Amino acid sequence: MHPPAPSLIRNSSLDNIKGVLIFLVVFGHFIELRIANDAFLRPIWIFIYAFHMPMFALVSGIFSKVTLDNKQAGQLIKNIVVPLVGFELIYECTEYVLIGKLSVYAGLIAPYWMLWYLMSLLCWRLMLPLFVTMRFPVVVALALSLLTTYSEHTGYLLSSSRTLIFFPYFLLGSVMGPRLFSSTKKDGRLTIIAVAIIAAALSVTFFLPPLFDYRWLYGSFSLHRLGMANLTGTLYQLLQYGISSVVGIAMLYVLSRQDLRLARIGKQSMYVFLWHGMALIVLQATGILATILHMQPAARLSLSLLCSAIIVVVAAHPYCELLTQKLILYPLSTVFMRPFDKNKSHTASTNNAITDATR
């Protein structure tokens, strides 16, 4: 039997990684309501948020092309703009039906909740061709991020703060490429080091003081709002960049060496991303979410993991993809795209949009 082609190995490995990361996104959002006063779930949430969004940005950078021609522009519209606009309308309408007014995000002129990532992904992709022409693109992006956090004008508005703060990870992924995570060679020493880094990071989160300000992990607050608009705050940010990069890359390295059978979930990660917020809104509106999060520690952790897994599996099902395409994405794409694009297949190109938006 011939070994699989390198491209297939690469895709399977990265899709497995995406499957794990999208599950962590769902689980992190599931337990988020309790973290302020939950000594048990709070360290777990902090550990997840220390690396999962930075690494999603990094993986997005790995998949993104450095050019931007007409074909790429069309992909950006179909895979990012259309889902962003479509689900922005869906979530805001849902909010209005439930509480009688639009969300706080609408008042801030910001994407609804988790949809900030699509806005930022669009901006990253548009900035990528410019930055890759520079001698030290990641350093420049990092300096820009550190500088703009002193300003009160960045924040939730059009996801500007998160766009700039997570952009260095996106650029790092573009520079690194998939080689580190697609190799079939197993280096026992590197694996041991990576596992040790992950274990150490998880252990440290359980010893963080209760007053640790976890808002740093959101990437949406200026240094003024965090109370550290000084050199110490900048050094703290640099430390956070270092820790997130080391722990995140160690996690991706370990995941890339395991076949977790999550490649299908990874390929459908866009649909999980788009729909999991609706599932959590339903669970919260019915009181189920609050009931689970007020159980005993072991029970609420177990049920949170189980419910998150169910949401991921259901949202990644082919039927969910089919309905989303037929009822939402394809009709809306005909509004945004030129007439000659109407008869082109839309389904295949959208499957990996959250990380493959410009592939």
Protein backbone atom coordinates (compact mmCIF):
# COMPACT_ATOMS: atom_id res chain seq x y z
CA MET A 1 0.00 0.00 0.00
CA HIS A 2 1.47 3.34 -1.01
CA PRO A 3 1.85 6.06 1.65
CA PRO A 4 -0.53 8.98 1.37
CA ALA A 5 0.58 12.04 -0.52
CA PRO A 6 2.12 14.84 1.57
CA SER A 7 -0.75 17.20 0.79
CA LEU A 8 -3.26 14.69 2.15
CA ILE A 9 -1.21 14.22 5.30
CA ARG A 10 -1.03 17.99 5.73
CA ASN A 11 -4.76 18.48 5.28
CA SER A 12 -5.72 15.67 7.64
CA SER A 13 -3.34 16.92 10.31
CA LEU A 14 -4.49 20.52 10.13
CA ASP A 15 -8.16 19.51 9.95
CA ASN A 16 -7.69 17.51 13.15
CA ILE A 17 -6.20 20.60 14.77
CA LYS A 18 -9.13 22.71 13.59
CA GLY A 19 -11.52 20.13 15.03
CA VAL A 20 -9.97 20.45 18.48
CA LEU A 21 -9.77 24.24 18.32
CA ILE A 22 -13.41 24.67 17.31
CA PHE A 23 -14.47 22.38 20.16
CA LEU A 24 -12.48 24.56 22.58
CA VAL A 25 -14.23 27.64 21.16
CA VAL A 26 -17.64 26.09 21.89
CA PHE A 27 -16.64 24.81 25.33
CA GLY A 28 -15.02 28.13 26.27
CA HIS A 29 -18.19 30.02 25.34
CA PHE A 30 -20.33 27.45 27.16
CA ILE A 31 -18.65 27.97 30.54
CA GLU A 32 -17.90 31.67 30.08
CA LEU A 33 -20.88 32.89 32.10
CA ARG A 34 -19.55 31.26 35.28
CA ILE A 35 -15.86 32.02 35.18
CA ALA A 36 -15.98 35.21 37.25
CA ASN A 37 -17.11 33.36 40.39
CA ASP A 38 -16.16 29.75 39.67
CA ALA A 39 -12.85 28.68 41.15
CA PHE A 40 -13.14 25.30 39.43
CA LEU A 41 -13.97 26.25 35.83
CA ARG A 42 -12.11 29.57 35.80
CA PRO A 43 -8.57 28.11 35.52
CA ILE A 44 -9.71 25.78 32.73
CA TRP A 45 -11.22 28.72 30.85
CA ILE A 46 -8.07 30.81 31.31
CA PHE A 47 -5.91 27.96 30.00
CA ILE A 48 -8.09 27.58 26.90
CA TYR A 49 -8.23 31.30 26.17
CA ALA A 50 -4.49 31.65 26.61
CA PHE A 51 -3.93 29.91 23.28
CA HIS A 52 -7.05 28.84 21.37
CA MET A 53 -7.88 32.10 19.55
CA PRO A 54 -4.22 32.97 18.91
CA MET A 55 -3.77 29.53 17.36
CA PHE A 56 -6.93 29.83 15.28
CA ALA A 57 -5.46 33.04 13.90
CA LEU A 58 -2.16 31.25 13.29
CA VAL A 59 -3.83 28.36 11.45
CA SER A 60 -5.80 30.88 9.40
CA GLY A 61 -2.51 32.47 8.42
CA ILE A 62 -1.11 29.10 7.37
CA PHE A 63 -3.96 28.63 4.90
CA SER A 64 -4.08 32.18 3.54
CA LYS A 65 -2.52 33.12 0.23
CA VAL A 66 -0.26 36.17 0.17
CA THR A 67 -1.73 37.44 -3.10
CA LEU A 68 -5.05 39.15 -3.68
CA ASP A 69 -6.44 38.91 -7.22
CA ASN A 70 -10.01 38.87 -8.51
CA LYS A 71 -10.47 35.20 -7.73
CA GLN A 72 -9.19 35.66 -4.19
CA ALA A 73 -11.42 38.69 -3.72
CA GLY A 74 -14.42 36.60 -4.77
CA GLN A 75 -13.46 33.94 -2.23
CA LEU A 76 -13.28 36.57 0.50
CA ILE A 77 -16.78 37.76 -0.31
CA LYS A 78 -18.29 34.27 -0.43
CA ASN A 79 -16.42 32.80 2.52
CA ILE A 80 -16.22 35.73 4.90
CA VAL A 81 -18.44 38.69 3.96
CA VAL A 82 -21.53 36.62 3.16
CA PRO A 83 -21.47 34.53 6.40
CA LEU A 84 -20.67 37.65 8.43
CA VAL A 85 -23.58 39.66 7.05
CA GLY A 86 -26.01 36.74 7.03
CA PHE A 87 -25.41 35.62 10.59
CA GLU A 88 -25.12 39.18 11.87
CA LEU A 89 -28.73 39.62 10.73
CA ILE A 90 -29.77 36.27 12.21
CA TYR A 91 -28.27 36.92 15.64
CA GLU A 92 -29.46 40.52 15.88
CA CYS A 93 -32.99 39.49 14.90
CA THR A 94 -32.89 36.73 17.51
CA GLU A 95 -31.75 39.23 20.13
CA TYR A 96 -34.58 41.57 19.19
CA VAL A 97 -37.16 38.80 19.44
CA LEU A 98 -35.90 37.67 22.85
CA ILE A 99 -35.36 41.00 24.60
CA GLY A 100 -37.13 43.54 22.42
CA LYS A 101 -34.06 45.44 21.27
CA LEU A 102 -30.85 45.01 19.35
CA SER A 103 -27.74 43.71 21.10
CA VAL A 104 -25.12 45.81 22.84
CA TYR A 105 -22.79 44.96 19.95
CA ALA A 106 -25.05 46.84 17.54
CA GLY A 107 -24.76 49.90 19.74
CA LEU A 108 -20.98 49.61 19.65
CA ILE A 109 -21.01 49.13 15.84
CA ALA A 110 -19.30 45.80 16.34
CA PRO A 111 -19.88 42.28 14.99
CA TYR A 112 -22.21 40.21 17.14
CA TRP A 113 -20.31 38.27 19.83
CA MET A 114 -18.13 35.58 18.18
CA LEU A 115 -18.62 37.04 14.68
CA TRP A 116 -15.76 39.42 15.45
CA TYR A 117 -13.46 36.71 14.13
CA LEU A 118 -14.87 36.94 10.61
CA MET A 119 -14.46 40.71 10.60
CA SER A 120 -10.88 40.38 11.81
CA LEU A 121 -10.15 37.56 9.35
CA LEU A 122 -11.29 39.77 6.49
CA CYS A 123 -9.02 42.59 7.67
CA TRP A 124 -6.05 40.24 8.16
CA ARG A 125 -6.43 38.87 4.67
CA LEU A 126 -6.58 42.37 3.18
CA MET A 127 -3.49 43.46 5.14
CA LEU A 128 -1.46 40.33 4.41
CA PRO A 129 -0.18 41.28 0.90
CA LEU A 130 1.11 44.58 2.30
CA PHE A 131 2.86 43.17 5.35
CA VAL A 132 4.57 40.24 3.62
CA THR A 133 6.53 42.71 1.48
CA MET A 134 8.21 44.03 4.64
CA ARG A 135 11.51 42.75 5.99
CA PHE A 136 10.16 41.86 9.44
CA PRO A 137 6.36 41.64 9.09
CA VAL A 138 5.63 39.94 12.43
CA VAL A 139 7.76 42.46 14.34
CA VAL A 140 6.02 45.37 12.62
CA ALA A 141 2.58 43.89 13.37
CA LEU A 142 3.59 43.31 16.98
CA ALA A 143 4.82 46.88 17.37
CA LEU A 144 1.58 48.19 15.84
CA SER A 145 -0.45 46.10 18.25
CA LEU A 146 1.50 47.26 21.31
CA LEU A 147 1.26 50.90 20.25
CA THR A 148 -2.46 50.98 19.49
CA THR A 149 -3.46 49.42 22.82
CA TYR A 150 -2.64 52.77 24.41
CA SER A 151 -5.47 54.36 22.42
CA GLU A 152 -9.06 54.50 23.63
CA HIS A 153 -10.24 54.66 20.02
CA THR A 154 -9.60 50.96 19.41
CA GLY A 155 -11.93 48.50 21.02
CA TYR A 156 -15.10 46.74 19.94
CA LEU A 157 -15.71 49.13 17.04
CA LEU A 158 -15.61 46.90 13.93
CA SER A 159 -13.45 44.50 15.94
CA SER A 160 -10.49 46.88 15.57
CA SER A 161 -8.73 45.98 18.81
CA ARG A 162 -8.85 42.22 18.30
CA THR A 163 -7.88 42.62 14.66
CA LEU A 164 -4.64 44.34 15.64
CA ILE A 165 -3.89 42.25 18.73
CA PHE A 166 -4.29 38.86 17.03
CA PHE A 167 -2.79 39.93 13.69
CA PRO A 168 0.81 38.97 14.70
CA TYR A 169 -0.35 35.35 15.16
CA PHE A 170 -1.98 35.37 11.73
CA LEU A 171 1.23 36.71 10.15
CA LEU A 172 3.31 34.19 12.08
CA GLY A 173 1.20 31.39 10.62
CA SER A 174 1.68 32.77 7.12
CA VAL A 175 5.46 32.93 7.64
CA MET A 176 5.70 29.48 9.26
CA GLY A 177 3.55 27.59 6.79
CA PRO A 178 2.22 24.08 7.49
CA ARG A 179 5.55 22.25 7.59
CA LEU A 180 5.86 21.96 11.38
CA PHE A 181 2.38 20.47 11.69
CA SER A 182 2.31 18.31 8.56
CA SER A 183 5.48 16.26 8.96
CA THR A 184 5.00 12.53 9.53
CA LYS A 185 8.26 12.22 11.46
CA LYS A 186 7.88 11.80 15.19
CA ASP A 187 10.50 13.41 17.37
CA GLY A 188 10.18 11.94 20.86
CA ARG A 189 12.17 14.72 22.50
CA LEU A 190 10.10 17.50 20.94
CA THR A 191 6.89 15.73 21.91
CA ILE A 192 8.03 15.37 25.52
CA ILE A 193 9.01 19.04 25.64
CA ALA A 194 5.68 20.09 24.14
CA VAL A 195 3.68 17.96 26.60
CA ALA A 196 5.73 19.35 29.50
CA ILE A 197 5.00 22.92 28.36
CA ILE A 198 1.28 22.21 28.14
CA ALA A 199 1.18 20.51 31.55
CA ALA A 200 3.13 23.34 33.16
CA ALA A 201 0.83 25.98 31.67
CA LEU A 202 -2.30 24.14 32.82
CA SER A 203 -0.86 23.74 36.31
CA VAL A 204 0.04 27.43 36.58
CA THR A 205 -3.52 28.51 35.79
CA PHE A 206 -4.76 26.76 38.94
CA PHE A 207 -2.36 28.84 41.04
CA LEU A 208 -3.24 32.22 39.57
CA PRO A 209 -4.56 34.66 42.20
CA PRO A 210 -8.35 35.20 42.21
CA LEU A 211 -7.79 38.85 41.28
CA PHE A 212 -6.04 37.93 38.01
CA ASP A 213 -7.67 40.08 35.34
CA TYR A 214 -8.73 37.61 32.65
CA ARG A 215 -9.90 40.49 30.41
CA TRP A 216 -6.36 40.54 29.03
CA LEU A 217 -7.20 37.34 27.16
CA TYR A 218 -10.10 38.86 25.20
CA GLY A 219 -7.94 41.24 23.19
CA SER A 220 -10.70 43.87 23.17
CA PHE A 221 -9.61 46.20 25.97
CA SER A 222 -7.16 49.09 25.84
CA LEU A 223 -4.39 49.43 28.41
CA HIS A 224 -6.31 52.35 29.91
CA ARG A 225 -9.35 50.16 30.59
CA LEU A 226 -7.08 47.48 32.01
CA GLY A 227 -5.48 50.04 34.30
CA MET A 228 -1.95 49.54 32.94
CA ALA A 229 -1.34 52.24 30.34
CA ASN A 230 2.39 52.28 31.00
CA LEU A 231 5.59 50.38 30.24
CA THR A 232 4.58 47.64 32.67
CA GLY A 233 1.41 47.06 30.68
CA THR A 234 3.38 46.78 27.44
CA LEU A 235 5.81 44.31 29.02
CA TYR A 236 2.83 42.35 30.31
CA GLN A 237 1.45 42.20 26.76
CA LEU A 238 4.78 40.99 25.41
CA LEU A 239 4.82 38.28 28.05
CA GLN A 240 1.32 37.27 27.04
CA TYR A 241 2.35 37.06 23.37
CA GLY A 242 5.30 34.86 24.33
CA ILE A 243 3.29 32.52 26.56
CA SER A 244 0.41 32.18 24.08
CA SER A 245 2.80 31.43 21.22
CA VAL A 246 4.86 28.85 23.10
CA VAL A 247 1.91 27.05 24.70
CA GLY A 248 -0.20 27.25 21.54
CA ILE A 249 2.47 25.94 19.18
CA ALA A 250 3.28 23.16 21.66
CA MET A 251 -0.41 22.21 21.68
CA LEU A 252 -0.63 22.24 17.89
CA TYR A 253 2.52 20.16 17.63
CA VAL A 254 1.15 17.48 19.95
CA LEU A 255 -2.23 17.46 18.18
CA SER A 256 -0.58 17.17 14.77
CA ARG A 257 1.11 13.93 15.87
CA GLN A 258 -2.18 12.27 16.80
CA ASP A 259 -5.00 11.02 14.60
CA LEU A 260 -7.98 12.13 16.64
CA ARG A 261 -10.52 11.27 13.93
CA LEU A 262 -11.66 14.90 13.97
CA ALA A 263 -10.72 15.82 10.39
CA ARG A 264 -14.37 15.88 9.32
CA ILE A 265 -15.22 18.21 12.19
CA GLY A 266 -12.28 20.40 11.23
CA LYS A 267 -13.46 20.63 7.63
CA GLN A 268 -16.90 21.72 8.83
CA SER A 269 -15.58 24.11 11.47
CA MET A 270 -17.20 27.10 9.77
CA TYR A 271 -20.70 25.78 10.44
CA VAL A 272 -19.87 24.96 14.05
CA PHE A 273 -18.53 28.48 14.46
CA LEU A 274 -21.61 30.09 12.92
CA TRP A 275 -24.28 28.04 14.72
CA HIS A 276 -22.87 27.31 18.18
CA GLY A 277 -23.83 30.78 19.39
CA MET A 278 -27.46 30.08 18.53
CA ALA A 279 -27.33 26.79 20.44
CA LEU A 280 -25.97 28.60 23.51
CA ILE A 281 -28.63 31.31 23.23
CA VAL A 282 -31.34 28.62 23.21
CA LEU A 283 -29.78 26.84 26.19
CA GLN A 284 -29.56 30.09 28.10
CA ALA A 285 -33.10 31.20 27.24
CA THR A 286 -34.54 27.87 28.39
CA GLY A 287 -32.57 27.89 31.64
CA ILE A 288 -30.68 24.70 30.79
CA LEU A 289 -27.32 26.47 30.67
CA ALA A 290 -27.76 28.05 34.09
CA THR A 291 -28.90 24.72 35.57
CA ILE A 292 -25.79 22.94 34.30
CA LEU A 293 -23.41 25.66 35.45
CA HIS A 294 -24.84 25.60 38.99
CA MET A 295 -24.29 21.88 39.51
CA GLN A 296 -21.47 20.34 41.48
CA PRO A 297 -17.99 20.83 39.93
CA ALA A 298 -17.59 17.35 38.44
CA ALA A 299 -21.16 17.34 37.10
CA ARG A 300 -21.01 20.79 35.53
CA LEU A 301 -17.64 20.07 33.91
CA SER A 302 -18.83 16.73 32.53
CA LEU A 303 -22.14 18.08 31.24
CA SER A 304 -20.47 21.17 29.80
CA LEU A 305 -18.07 18.96 27.85
CA LEU A 306 -20.87 16.67 26.73
CA CYS A 307 -23.16 19.50 25.60
CA SER A 308 -20.27 21.20 23.79
CA ALA A 309 -19.48 17.96 21.99
CA ILE A 310 -23.13 17.52 20.96
CA ILE A 311 -23.28 21.07 19.61
CA VAL A 312 -20.10 20.47 17.59
CA VAL A 313 -21.30 17.18 16.13
CA VAL A 314 -24.74 18.50 15.20
CA ALA A 315 -23.44 21.75 13.68
CA ALA A 316 -20.79 19.85 11.71
CA HIS A 317 -23.32 17.41 10.24
CA PRO A 318 -23.65 17.47 6.43
CA TYR A 319 -27.36 18.28 6.74
CA CYS A 320 -26.50 21.42 8.70
CA GLU A 321 -24.09 22.40 5.96
CA LEU A 322 -26.69 21.74 3.26
CA LEU A 323 -29.42 23.75 4.98
CA THR A 324 -27.06 26.63 5.78
CA GLN A 325 -25.93 26.79 2.18
CA LYS A 326 -29.36 26.47 0.58
CA LEU A 327 -31.29 28.75 2.91
CA ILE A 328 -28.74 31.39 3.89
CA LEU A 329 -25.32 31.52 2.28
CA TYR A 330 -26.08 30.78 -1.34
CA PRO A 331 -29.09 33.14 -1.63
CA LEU A 332 -27.13 35.91 0.06
CA SER A 333 -24.09 35.32 -2.13
CA THR A 334 -26.19 36.07 -5.21
CA VAL A 335 -26.80 39.52 -3.75
CA PHE A 336 -23.12 40.26 -3.22
CA MET A 337 -21.58 38.52 -6.21
CA ARG A 338 -21.73 39.50 -9.85
CA PRO A 339 -24.28 37.68 -12.04
CA PHE A 340 -21.69 35.41 -13.67
CA ASP A 341 -20.94 33.83 -10.28
CA LYS A 342 -24.52 32.76 -9.66
CA ASN A 343 -24.24 29.28 -11.12
CA LYS A 344 -20.91 28.40 -9.54
CA SER A 345 -20.78 25.86 -6.79
CA HIS A 346 -20.74 27.56 -3.44
CA THR A 347 -20.70 24.65 -1.05
CA ALA A 348 -17.19 23.28 -1.45
CA SER A 349 -15.46 26.63 -1.17
CA THR A 350 -17.19 27.52 2.09
CA ASN A 351 -16.49 24.35 4.08
CA ASN A 352 -13.18 25.56 5.44
CA ALA A 353 -13.88 29.29 5.39
CA ILE A 354 -12.96 29.94 9.00
CA THR A 355 -9.36 29.00 8.30
CA ASP A 356 -9.22 28.45 4.54
CA ALA A 357 -10.90 31.70 3.54
CA THR A 358 -8.45 32.45 0.77
CA ARG A 359 -7.09 29.07 -0.09
